[in-house]
N, C-alpha and C. Protein backbone atom coordinates (compact mmCIF):
# COMPACT_ATOMS: atom_id res chain seq x y z
N MET A 1 -2.68 -0.66 18.09
CA MET A 1 -3.91 -1.25 17.57
C MET A 1 -4.79 -1.61 18.76
N SER A 2 -6.06 -1.36 18.62
CA SER A 2 -7.02 -1.71 19.65
C SER A 2 -7.40 -3.18 19.51
N ALA A 3 -7.25 -3.92 20.59
CA ALA A 3 -7.59 -5.34 20.54
C ALA A 3 -9.07 -5.55 20.27
N GLU A 4 -9.90 -4.61 20.76
CA GLU A 4 -11.34 -4.73 20.56
C GLU A 4 -11.70 -4.56 19.09
N GLU A 5 -11.10 -3.61 18.45
CA GLU A 5 -11.45 -3.29 17.06
C GLU A 5 -10.69 -4.15 16.07
N GLY A 6 -9.43 -4.50 16.37
CA GLY A 6 -8.62 -5.25 15.43
C GLY A 6 -8.16 -4.40 14.26
N VAL A 7 -8.30 -3.08 14.38
CA VAL A 7 -7.94 -2.17 13.30
C VAL A 7 -7.02 -1.10 13.88
N LEU A 8 -6.03 -0.70 13.13
CA LEU A 8 -5.11 0.35 13.58
C LEU A 8 -5.83 1.69 13.72
N PRO A 9 -5.34 2.56 14.59
CA PRO A 9 -5.92 3.90 14.68
C PRO A 9 -5.71 4.68 13.38
N VAL A 10 -6.33 5.84 13.28
CA VAL A 10 -6.30 6.66 12.07
C VAL A 10 -4.88 7.09 11.71
N SER A 11 -4.02 7.27 12.70
CA SER A 11 -2.63 7.62 12.43
C SER A 11 -1.75 7.06 13.53
N GLY A 12 -0.47 6.98 13.24
CA GLY A 12 0.46 6.50 14.24
C GLY A 12 1.84 6.24 13.66
N THR A 13 2.73 5.81 14.53
CA THR A 13 4.09 5.49 14.15
C THR A 13 4.47 4.18 14.82
N VAL A 14 5.19 3.36 14.10
CA VAL A 14 5.62 2.07 14.64
C VAL A 14 7.05 1.79 14.18
N VAL A 15 7.84 1.18 15.06
CA VAL A 15 9.20 0.74 14.73
C VAL A 15 9.11 -0.72 14.31
N LEU A 16 9.74 -1.04 13.19
CA LEU A 16 9.68 -2.39 12.60
C LEU A 16 11.10 -2.95 12.52
N PRO A 17 11.51 -3.76 13.51
CA PRO A 17 12.89 -4.24 13.57
C PRO A 17 13.33 -5.14 12.42
N THR A 18 12.38 -5.89 11.81
CA THR A 18 12.76 -6.83 10.75
C THR A 18 11.80 -6.71 9.57
N ALA A 19 12.19 -7.32 8.46
CA ALA A 19 11.30 -7.35 7.28
C ALA A 19 10.01 -8.10 7.62
N ALA A 20 10.11 -9.14 8.46
CA ALA A 20 8.91 -9.88 8.87
C ALA A 20 7.96 -8.97 9.66
N ASP A 21 8.52 -8.08 10.48
CA ASP A 21 7.68 -7.12 11.21
C ASP A 21 6.99 -6.15 10.24
N THR A 22 7.70 -5.78 9.18
CA THR A 22 7.12 -4.88 8.17
C THR A 22 5.96 -5.58 7.48
N GLU A 23 6.12 -6.85 7.13
CA GLU A 23 5.02 -7.60 6.51
C GLU A 23 3.84 -7.73 7.48
N GLN A 24 4.13 -7.98 8.76
CA GLN A 24 3.06 -8.09 9.74
C GLN A 24 2.32 -6.77 9.88
N PHE A 25 3.02 -5.67 9.84
CA PHE A 25 2.38 -4.36 9.89
C PHE A 25 1.43 -4.20 8.70
N GLY A 26 1.84 -4.69 7.53
CA GLY A 26 0.95 -4.67 6.36
C GLY A 26 -0.31 -5.47 6.60
N ARG A 27 -0.19 -6.64 7.23
CA ARG A 27 -1.37 -7.44 7.57
C ARG A 27 -2.29 -6.67 8.52
N ASP A 28 -1.67 -5.99 9.49
CA ASP A 28 -2.45 -5.19 10.43
C ASP A 28 -3.19 -4.06 9.72
N LEU A 29 -2.52 -3.39 8.78
CA LEU A 29 -3.17 -2.33 8.00
C LEU A 29 -4.35 -2.89 7.20
N ALA A 30 -4.16 -4.08 6.64
CA ALA A 30 -5.18 -4.68 5.76
C ALA A 30 -6.50 -4.90 6.49
N ARG A 31 -6.45 -5.12 7.79
CA ARG A 31 -7.69 -5.36 8.54
C ARG A 31 -8.69 -4.21 8.40
N GLY A 32 -8.17 -3.00 8.19
CA GLY A 32 -9.06 -1.84 8.07
C GLY A 32 -9.31 -1.40 6.65
N LEU A 33 -8.81 -2.13 5.66
CA LEU A 33 -8.95 -1.73 4.26
C LEU A 33 -10.13 -2.42 3.60
N VAL A 34 -10.80 -1.67 2.73
CA VAL A 34 -11.93 -2.19 1.96
C VAL A 34 -11.79 -1.74 0.51
N ALA A 35 -12.59 -2.33 -0.36
CA ALA A 35 -12.59 -1.94 -1.77
C ALA A 35 -12.81 -0.43 -1.85
N GLY A 36 -12.03 0.21 -2.69
CA GLY A 36 -12.12 1.66 -2.86
C GLY A 36 -11.04 2.41 -2.12
N ASP A 37 -10.29 1.74 -1.24
CA ASP A 37 -9.24 2.42 -0.49
C ASP A 37 -7.97 2.56 -1.34
N LEU A 38 -7.32 3.70 -1.18
CA LEU A 38 -6.05 3.99 -1.84
C LEU A 38 -4.99 4.09 -0.76
N VAL A 39 -3.89 3.36 -0.95
CA VAL A 39 -2.76 3.39 -0.03
C VAL A 39 -1.56 3.91 -0.81
N VAL A 40 -0.97 5.01 -0.33
CA VAL A 40 0.18 5.62 -0.99
C VAL A 40 1.41 5.41 -0.11
N LEU A 41 2.41 4.70 -0.64
CA LEU A 41 3.62 4.39 0.11
C LEU A 41 4.76 5.31 -0.31
N ASP A 42 5.46 5.85 0.67
CA ASP A 42 6.59 6.73 0.43
C ASP A 42 7.78 6.23 1.23
N GLY A 43 8.94 6.30 0.63
CA GLY A 43 10.17 5.92 1.33
C GLY A 43 11.26 5.66 0.32
N PRO A 44 12.50 5.80 0.75
CA PRO A 44 13.62 5.58 -0.17
C PRO A 44 13.74 4.11 -0.56
N LEU A 45 14.57 3.85 -1.52
CA LEU A 45 14.87 2.50 -1.97
C LEU A 45 15.29 1.67 -0.76
N GLY A 46 14.72 0.49 -0.62
CA GLY A 46 15.07 -0.40 0.49
C GLY A 46 14.37 -0.10 1.80
N ALA A 47 13.41 0.81 1.78
CA ALA A 47 12.71 1.17 3.02
C ALA A 47 11.66 0.14 3.43
N GLY A 48 11.25 -0.73 2.51
CA GLY A 48 10.30 -1.77 2.86
C GLY A 48 8.93 -1.63 2.22
N LYS A 49 8.82 -0.84 1.16
CA LYS A 49 7.52 -0.62 0.52
C LYS A 49 6.93 -1.93 -0.03
N THR A 50 7.74 -2.72 -0.70
CA THR A 50 7.23 -3.98 -1.25
C THR A 50 6.95 -4.99 -0.14
N ALA A 51 7.79 -5.04 0.89
CA ALA A 51 7.53 -5.94 2.02
C ALA A 51 6.20 -5.56 2.68
N LEU A 52 5.95 -4.28 2.84
CA LEU A 52 4.69 -3.82 3.42
C LEU A 52 3.52 -4.24 2.53
N THR A 53 3.69 -4.09 1.22
CA THR A 53 2.63 -4.46 0.29
C THR A 53 2.38 -5.96 0.31
N LYS A 54 3.42 -6.77 0.46
CA LYS A 54 3.24 -8.22 0.60
C LYS A 54 2.36 -8.51 1.80
N GLY A 55 2.60 -7.80 2.90
CA GLY A 55 1.79 -7.98 4.09
C GLY A 55 0.35 -7.56 3.88
N ILE A 56 0.15 -6.43 3.19
CA ILE A 56 -1.21 -5.98 2.88
C ILE A 56 -1.92 -7.05 2.05
N GLY A 57 -1.23 -7.56 1.03
CA GLY A 57 -1.82 -8.61 0.19
C GLY A 57 -2.18 -9.84 1.00
N ALA A 58 -1.29 -10.24 1.92
CA ALA A 58 -1.56 -11.41 2.76
C ALA A 58 -2.76 -11.14 3.66
N GLY A 59 -2.82 -9.93 4.21
CA GLY A 59 -3.93 -9.58 5.08
C GLY A 59 -5.27 -9.51 4.34
N LEU A 60 -5.21 -9.14 3.07
CA LEU A 60 -6.42 -9.12 2.25
C LEU A 60 -6.76 -10.51 1.72
N GLY A 61 -5.76 -11.41 1.74
CA GLY A 61 -5.97 -12.76 1.22
C GLY A 61 -6.00 -12.82 -0.29
N VAL A 62 -5.30 -11.89 -0.95
CA VAL A 62 -5.34 -11.87 -2.41
C VAL A 62 -4.64 -13.08 -2.99
N GLN A 63 -4.99 -13.39 -4.24
CA GLN A 63 -4.42 -14.53 -4.94
C GLN A 63 -3.12 -14.11 -5.62
N GLY A 64 -2.21 -15.06 -5.75
CA GLY A 64 -0.96 -14.81 -6.45
C GLY A 64 0.11 -14.24 -5.53
N ARG A 65 1.34 -14.38 -5.96
CA ARG A 65 2.49 -13.90 -5.21
C ARG A 65 2.63 -12.39 -5.42
N VAL A 66 2.79 -11.66 -4.34
CA VAL A 66 2.97 -10.20 -4.43
C VAL A 66 4.46 -9.92 -4.58
N THR A 67 4.81 -9.33 -5.74
CA THR A 67 6.19 -8.95 -6.02
C THR A 67 6.21 -7.52 -6.52
N SER A 68 7.38 -6.95 -6.58
CA SER A 68 7.50 -5.56 -7.04
C SER A 68 7.05 -5.44 -8.50
N PRO A 69 6.20 -4.48 -8.79
CA PRO A 69 5.75 -4.28 -10.17
C PRO A 69 6.63 -3.29 -10.94
N THR A 70 7.89 -3.13 -10.54
CA THR A 70 8.76 -2.11 -11.12
C THR A 70 8.76 -2.12 -12.64
N PHE A 71 8.87 -3.28 -13.25
CA PHE A 71 9.01 -3.32 -14.70
C PHE A 71 7.69 -3.40 -15.45
N VAL A 72 6.63 -3.74 -14.75
CA VAL A 72 5.33 -3.81 -15.42
C VAL A 72 4.42 -2.66 -14.99
N ILE A 73 4.87 -1.83 -14.08
CA ILE A 73 4.17 -0.67 -13.51
C ILE A 73 3.03 -1.08 -12.58
N ALA A 74 2.18 -2.03 -12.96
CA ALA A 74 1.05 -2.41 -12.10
C ALA A 74 0.77 -3.91 -12.20
N ARG A 75 0.43 -4.49 -11.06
CA ARG A 75 0.01 -5.90 -10.99
C ARG A 75 -1.35 -5.95 -10.32
N GLU A 76 -2.22 -6.77 -10.88
CA GLU A 76 -3.55 -6.94 -10.30
C GLU A 76 -3.61 -8.30 -9.62
N HIS A 77 -4.11 -8.31 -8.40
CA HIS A 77 -4.27 -9.55 -7.63
C HIS A 77 -5.76 -9.73 -7.33
N ARG A 78 -6.30 -10.85 -7.75
CA ARG A 78 -7.73 -11.12 -7.55
C ARG A 78 -8.02 -11.41 -6.09
N ALA A 79 -9.25 -11.15 -5.71
CA ALA A 79 -9.68 -11.39 -4.34
C ALA A 79 -9.60 -12.87 -4.02
N GLY A 80 -9.25 -13.16 -2.80
CA GLY A 80 -9.23 -14.52 -2.29
C GLY A 80 -10.03 -14.54 -0.99
N THR A 81 -9.62 -15.38 -0.08
CA THR A 81 -10.29 -15.48 1.22
C THR A 81 -9.49 -14.69 2.24
N ARG A 82 -10.14 -13.71 2.85
CA ARG A 82 -9.46 -12.89 3.86
C ARG A 82 -9.28 -13.68 5.15
N PRO A 83 -8.07 -13.65 5.70
CA PRO A 83 -7.83 -14.36 6.96
C PRO A 83 -8.67 -13.81 8.11
N ASP A 84 -9.06 -12.54 8.04
CA ASP A 84 -9.85 -11.95 9.12
C ASP A 84 -11.35 -12.18 8.93
N GLY A 85 -11.72 -12.91 7.86
CA GLY A 85 -13.13 -13.20 7.61
C GLY A 85 -13.90 -12.06 6.97
N GLY A 86 -13.21 -10.97 6.65
CA GLY A 86 -13.86 -9.82 6.03
C GLY A 86 -14.26 -10.08 4.59
N THR A 87 -14.92 -9.10 4.00
CA THR A 87 -15.36 -9.20 2.61
C THR A 87 -14.15 -9.30 1.69
N PRO A 88 -14.11 -10.32 0.82
CA PRO A 88 -12.98 -10.46 -0.10
C PRO A 88 -12.84 -9.23 -1.00
N VAL A 89 -11.61 -8.83 -1.23
CA VAL A 89 -11.33 -7.68 -2.09
C VAL A 89 -9.99 -7.92 -2.79
N GLY A 90 -9.92 -7.50 -4.04
CA GLY A 90 -8.67 -7.62 -4.79
C GLY A 90 -7.74 -6.48 -4.45
N MET A 91 -6.54 -6.53 -5.03
CA MET A 91 -5.55 -5.49 -4.80
C MET A 91 -4.85 -5.18 -6.11
N VAL A 92 -4.64 -3.91 -6.38
CA VAL A 92 -3.82 -3.47 -7.50
C VAL A 92 -2.58 -2.85 -6.89
N HIS A 93 -1.42 -3.35 -7.29
CA HIS A 93 -0.13 -2.91 -6.76
C HIS A 93 0.60 -2.16 -7.86
N VAL A 94 0.84 -0.88 -7.63
CA VAL A 94 1.43 -0.01 -8.64
C VAL A 94 2.78 0.50 -8.17
N ASP A 95 3.74 0.55 -9.07
CA ASP A 95 5.03 1.17 -8.79
C ASP A 95 5.12 2.40 -9.69
N ALA A 96 5.00 3.57 -9.09
CA ALA A 96 4.98 4.82 -9.86
C ALA A 96 6.38 5.39 -10.09
N TYR A 97 7.42 4.67 -9.69
CA TYR A 97 8.78 5.18 -9.79
C TYR A 97 9.16 5.55 -11.23
N ARG A 98 8.77 4.73 -12.18
CA ARG A 98 9.16 4.96 -13.58
C ARG A 98 8.24 5.91 -14.32
N LEU A 99 7.22 6.41 -13.64
CA LEU A 99 6.36 7.41 -14.27
C LEU A 99 7.11 8.73 -14.31
N GLY A 100 6.61 9.67 -15.06
CA GLY A 100 7.33 10.92 -15.32
C GLY A 100 7.42 11.91 -14.18
N GLY A 101 7.88 11.49 -13.00
CA GLY A 101 8.05 12.42 -11.88
C GLY A 101 6.72 12.77 -11.24
N SER A 102 6.64 13.96 -10.65
CA SER A 102 5.41 14.35 -9.95
C SER A 102 4.60 15.38 -10.73
N GLY A 103 4.98 15.68 -11.94
CA GLY A 103 4.27 16.68 -12.73
C GLY A 103 3.06 16.13 -13.46
N PRO A 104 2.48 16.93 -14.35
CA PRO A 104 1.28 16.51 -15.07
C PRO A 104 1.50 15.29 -15.95
N HIS A 105 2.72 15.11 -16.46
CA HIS A 105 3.00 13.94 -17.30
C HIS A 105 2.83 12.66 -16.49
N ALA A 106 3.29 12.65 -15.24
CA ALA A 106 3.14 11.47 -14.38
C ALA A 106 1.67 11.19 -14.10
N LEU A 107 0.89 12.23 -13.87
CA LEU A 107 -0.53 12.05 -13.62
C LEU A 107 -1.21 11.47 -14.86
N ASP A 108 -0.81 11.94 -16.05
CA ASP A 108 -1.36 11.37 -17.29
C ASP A 108 -1.03 9.89 -17.41
N GLU A 109 0.22 9.51 -17.09
CA GLU A 109 0.63 8.12 -17.17
C GLU A 109 -0.13 7.28 -16.15
N LEU A 110 -0.29 7.81 -14.95
CA LEU A 110 -1.04 7.10 -13.92
C LEU A 110 -2.50 6.95 -14.34
N ASP A 111 -3.06 8.00 -14.90
CA ASP A 111 -4.44 7.99 -15.37
C ASP A 111 -4.62 6.96 -16.49
N ALA A 112 -3.60 6.78 -17.33
CA ALA A 112 -3.67 5.82 -18.43
C ALA A 112 -3.80 4.38 -17.93
N LEU A 113 -3.43 4.14 -16.68
CA LEU A 113 -3.56 2.80 -16.10
C LEU A 113 -4.99 2.49 -15.69
N ASP A 114 -5.89 3.49 -15.79
CA ASP A 114 -7.31 3.34 -15.41
C ASP A 114 -7.49 2.88 -13.97
N LEU A 115 -6.67 3.39 -13.08
CA LEU A 115 -6.76 2.98 -11.68
C LEU A 115 -8.03 3.47 -11.03
N ASP A 116 -8.58 4.57 -11.53
CA ASP A 116 -9.82 5.06 -10.92
C ASP A 116 -10.93 4.03 -11.09
N THR A 117 -10.90 3.26 -12.16
CA THR A 117 -11.86 2.17 -12.35
C THR A 117 -11.62 1.08 -11.31
N ASP A 118 -10.34 0.73 -11.08
CA ASP A 118 -9.99 -0.30 -10.12
C ASP A 118 -10.28 0.12 -8.69
N LEU A 119 -10.24 1.42 -8.43
CA LEU A 119 -10.45 1.90 -7.07
C LEU A 119 -11.79 1.46 -6.50
N ALA A 120 -12.79 1.38 -7.30
CA ALA A 120 -14.11 1.01 -6.80
C ALA A 120 -14.18 -0.45 -6.38
N ALA A 121 -13.35 -1.31 -6.99
CA ALA A 121 -13.47 -2.74 -6.77
C ALA A 121 -12.29 -3.36 -6.02
N ALA A 122 -11.25 -2.58 -5.73
CA ALA A 122 -10.04 -3.15 -5.14
C ALA A 122 -9.39 -2.15 -4.21
N VAL A 123 -8.45 -2.63 -3.43
CA VAL A 123 -7.55 -1.77 -2.69
C VAL A 123 -6.40 -1.48 -3.65
N VAL A 124 -6.07 -0.22 -3.84
CA VAL A 124 -4.98 0.16 -4.73
C VAL A 124 -3.81 0.64 -3.87
N VAL A 125 -2.65 -0.02 -4.02
CA VAL A 125 -1.44 0.33 -3.28
C VAL A 125 -0.44 0.88 -4.29
N VAL A 126 0.02 2.12 -4.05
CA VAL A 126 0.94 2.76 -4.99
C VAL A 126 2.26 3.07 -4.29
N GLU A 127 3.32 2.38 -4.74
CA GLU A 127 4.67 2.70 -4.26
C GLU A 127 5.18 3.90 -5.03
N TRP A 128 5.95 4.75 -4.39
CA TRP A 128 6.54 5.94 -5.00
C TRP A 128 5.45 6.88 -5.53
N GLY A 129 4.27 6.85 -4.94
CA GLY A 129 3.15 7.61 -5.49
C GLY A 129 2.89 8.95 -4.86
N GLU A 130 3.62 9.29 -3.80
CA GLU A 130 3.34 10.56 -3.13
C GLU A 130 3.56 11.73 -4.09
N GLY A 131 2.59 12.63 -4.12
CA GLY A 131 2.66 13.79 -5.00
C GLY A 131 1.83 13.64 -6.26
N ILE A 132 1.44 12.39 -6.59
CA ILE A 132 0.59 12.21 -7.78
C ILE A 132 -0.60 11.30 -7.53
N ALA A 133 -0.39 10.20 -6.83
CA ALA A 133 -1.46 9.21 -6.67
C ALA A 133 -2.61 9.71 -5.82
N GLU A 134 -2.35 10.66 -4.91
CA GLU A 134 -3.40 11.17 -4.03
C GLU A 134 -4.58 11.73 -4.82
N GLN A 135 -4.32 12.14 -6.03
CA GLN A 135 -5.36 12.75 -6.86
C GLN A 135 -6.36 11.72 -7.38
N LEU A 136 -6.09 10.44 -7.15
CA LEU A 136 -7.00 9.39 -7.61
C LEU A 136 -8.22 9.23 -6.71
N ALA A 137 -8.13 9.73 -5.47
CA ALA A 137 -9.23 9.52 -4.51
C ALA A 137 -9.35 10.72 -3.58
N ASP A 138 -10.53 10.89 -3.02
CA ASP A 138 -10.76 11.98 -2.08
C ASP A 138 -10.09 11.72 -0.73
N ARG A 139 -9.84 10.45 -0.45
CA ARG A 139 -9.26 10.05 0.83
C ARG A 139 -8.24 8.95 0.56
N HIS A 140 -7.11 8.98 1.25
CA HIS A 140 -6.12 7.93 1.08
C HIS A 140 -5.34 7.70 2.37
N LEU A 141 -4.73 6.54 2.45
CA LEU A 141 -3.84 6.20 3.56
C LEU A 141 -2.42 6.43 3.07
N ARG A 142 -1.71 7.33 3.75
CA ARG A 142 -0.30 7.57 3.40
C ARG A 142 0.56 6.88 4.45
N VAL A 143 1.51 6.07 3.95
CA VAL A 143 2.45 5.39 4.84
C VAL A 143 3.85 5.81 4.41
N ARG A 144 4.57 6.44 5.34
CA ARG A 144 5.96 6.85 5.08
C ARG A 144 6.88 5.89 5.83
N LEU A 145 7.76 5.26 5.08
CA LEU A 145 8.71 4.29 5.64
C LEU A 145 10.12 4.86 5.60
N ARG A 146 10.84 4.66 6.67
CA ARG A 146 12.24 5.08 6.74
C ARG A 146 13.04 3.90 7.28
N ARG A 147 14.24 3.72 6.76
CA ARG A 147 15.11 2.64 7.21
C ARG A 147 16.34 3.25 7.87
N GLU A 148 16.67 2.72 9.03
CA GLU A 148 17.87 3.18 9.74
C GLU A 148 19.10 2.76 8.94
N PRO A 149 20.10 3.64 8.85
CA PRO A 149 21.32 3.28 8.12
C PRO A 149 22.00 2.05 8.72
N GLU A 150 22.49 1.18 7.84
CA GLU A 150 23.28 0.02 8.24
C GLU A 150 22.48 -1.06 8.99
N THR A 151 21.13 -0.95 9.06
CA THR A 151 20.35 -1.96 9.76
C THR A 151 19.09 -2.28 8.96
N ASP A 152 18.32 -3.25 9.45
CA ASP A 152 17.02 -3.57 8.85
C ASP A 152 15.88 -2.86 9.57
N VAL A 153 16.20 -2.08 10.60
CA VAL A 153 15.16 -1.42 11.39
C VAL A 153 14.50 -0.32 10.56
N ARG A 154 13.17 -0.40 10.51
CA ARG A 154 12.39 0.58 9.75
C ARG A 154 11.43 1.27 10.71
N THR A 155 11.05 2.47 10.34
CA THR A 155 10.00 3.19 11.06
C THR A 155 8.91 3.52 10.06
N ALA A 156 7.68 3.27 10.44
CA ALA A 156 6.55 3.58 9.57
C ALA A 156 5.64 4.57 10.27
N HIS A 157 5.28 5.62 9.56
CA HIS A 157 4.27 6.57 10.05
C HIS A 157 3.12 6.50 9.06
N TRP A 158 1.92 6.31 9.58
CA TRP A 158 0.74 6.23 8.71
C TRP A 158 -0.30 7.24 9.16
N GLU A 159 -1.08 7.69 8.18
CA GLU A 159 -2.22 8.55 8.49
C GLU A 159 -3.20 8.57 7.32
N TRP A 160 -4.47 8.60 7.68
CA TRP A 160 -5.53 8.77 6.67
C TRP A 160 -5.65 10.25 6.37
N ILE A 161 -5.67 10.59 5.09
CA ILE A 161 -5.73 11.99 4.67
C ILE A 161 -6.96 12.19 3.78
N SER A 162 -7.75 13.20 4.10
CA SER A 162 -8.95 13.52 3.29
C SER A 162 -8.72 14.78 2.51
């Protein structure tokens, strides 16, 4: 991250030794996010997708506790006060795991959530969304998380894709 800009570069890789580091990385990502941005998270179970989203929510200053939306599919968090002083923006947190895979049925289910409407007014973060959620926007931030076996050490690779 550039100290002058306070925003992460367009792409990169970072090693995250603890869950707290994963949340801090989410806060760092949030500094560059604005309403209309789509963030697609990929990684196996336990890779840190929800911890990263908690950090993004904290960095955006959203209201309410950020928890996994596994059973409700999507949670909406209203805008609060951003710690970085930026323009307040809400966040929609989606768990696409229970949608119908990566085929057209999953896209229909995702479309039924009306996320394209939310995209204009919020940052939309989709866990397990790779292969379907990208179709919601012309540009998105993809973050791939991997966890080392038998440890809490995670690696995150991020890149903006148009």
